[in-house]
Amino acid sequence: MSQSQSKLSRRTLFGAAATTGAVAAVASLLPSQPAEPEAVTEKRPEPPTRGGGYQLSEHVKQYYQTTRV
């Protein structure tokens, strides 16, 4: 055996195994397919510059329904 060859130590082996495991764990969390683009929604009108831009939306209507006694 030649002295110029690098020696594979246990520390190097375990470090490589840990790195491989970490990469595999991260890869399993990534989505397999790219997300589809969101549907285009209708553009809301610009709110007034001096306030008064209240709009009764579905979210607000649902809130009012939950507050009824």
Protein backbone atom coordinates (compact mmCIF):
# COMPACT_ATOMS: atom_id res chain seq x y z
CA MET A 1 0.00 0.00 0.00
CA SER A 2 1.28 3.44 -0.89
CA GLN A 3 1.53 6.28 1.62
CA SER A 4 0.12 8.79 -0.92
CA GLN A 5 -3.35 7.23 -0.76
CA SER A 6 -5.71 8.91 1.69
CA LYS A 7 -6.86 6.79 4.57
CA LEU A 8 -10.60 6.47 5.09
CA SER A 9 -11.22 6.87 8.81
CA ARG A 10 -14.34 6.04 10.78
CA ARG A 11 -14.91 9.75 11.45
CA THR A 12 -14.92 10.51 7.72
CA LEU A 13 -17.20 7.57 7.01
CA PHE A 14 -19.74 8.56 9.66
CA GLY A 15 -19.61 12.19 8.52
CA ALA A 16 -20.37 11.17 4.95
CA ALA A 17 -23.22 8.92 6.12
CA ALA A 18 -24.72 11.74 8.21
CA THR A 19 -24.49 14.16 5.29
CA THR A 20 -26.13 11.65 2.96
CA GLY A 21 -28.93 11.08 5.48
CA ALA A 22 -29.52 14.81 5.87
CA VAL A 23 -29.68 15.32 2.11
CA ALA A 24 -32.13 12.42 1.77
CA ALA A 25 -34.33 13.86 4.54
CA VAL A 26 -34.45 17.28 2.90
CA ALA A 27 -35.15 15.76 -0.52
CA SER A 28 -38.10 13.81 0.88
CA LEU A 29 -39.67 17.04 2.17
CA LEU A 30 -39.50 18.83 -1.17
CA PRO A 31 -42.57 18.59 -3.42
CA SER A 32 -42.19 16.16 -6.28
CA GLN A 33 -43.97 18.38 -8.81
CA PRO A 34 -43.91 22.15 -9.11
CA ALA A 35 -46.96 23.88 -7.70
CA GLU A 36 -49.59 24.94 -10.19
CA PRO A 37 -49.95 28.69 -10.64
CA GLU A 38 -52.85 30.19 -8.75
CA ALA A 39 -55.99 31.12 -10.62
CA VAL A 40 -56.25 34.76 -11.61
CA THR A 41 -58.79 36.55 -9.45
CA GLU A 42 -60.71 39.64 -10.36
CA LYS A 43 -58.97 42.87 -9.48
CA ARG A 44 -60.46 44.77 -6.56
CA PRO A 45 -61.08 48.47 -6.91
CA GLU A 46 -58.53 50.79 -5.31
CA PRO A 47 -59.47 51.85 -1.77
CA PRO A 48 -60.11 55.56 -1.25
CA THR A 49 -57.07 57.58 -0.22
CA ARG A 50 -58.80 59.13 2.82
CA GLY A 51 -60.34 56.00 4.32
CA GLY A 52 -63.90 54.77 3.93
CA GLY A 53 -62.80 51.68 2.00
CA TYR A 54 -64.89 49.20 4.01
CA GLN A 55 -66.33 46.39 1.93
CA LEU A 56 -68.68 43.69 3.13
CA SER A 57 -66.82 40.55 2.03
CA GLU A 58 -67.61 36.87 2.58
CA HIS A 59 -65.07 36.76 5.39
CA VAL A 60 -66.77 39.66 7.19
CA LYS A 61 -70.20 38.11 6.69
CA GLN A 62 -68.96 34.85 8.21
CA TYR A 63 -67.59 36.75 11.21
CA TYR A 64 -70.92 38.47 11.77
CA GLN A 65 -72.66 35.08 11.64
CA THR A 66 -70.40 33.74 14.41
CA THR A 67 -71.06 36.72 16.71
CA ARG A 68 -74.83 36.36 16.74
CA VAL A 69 -76.26 35.31 20.09
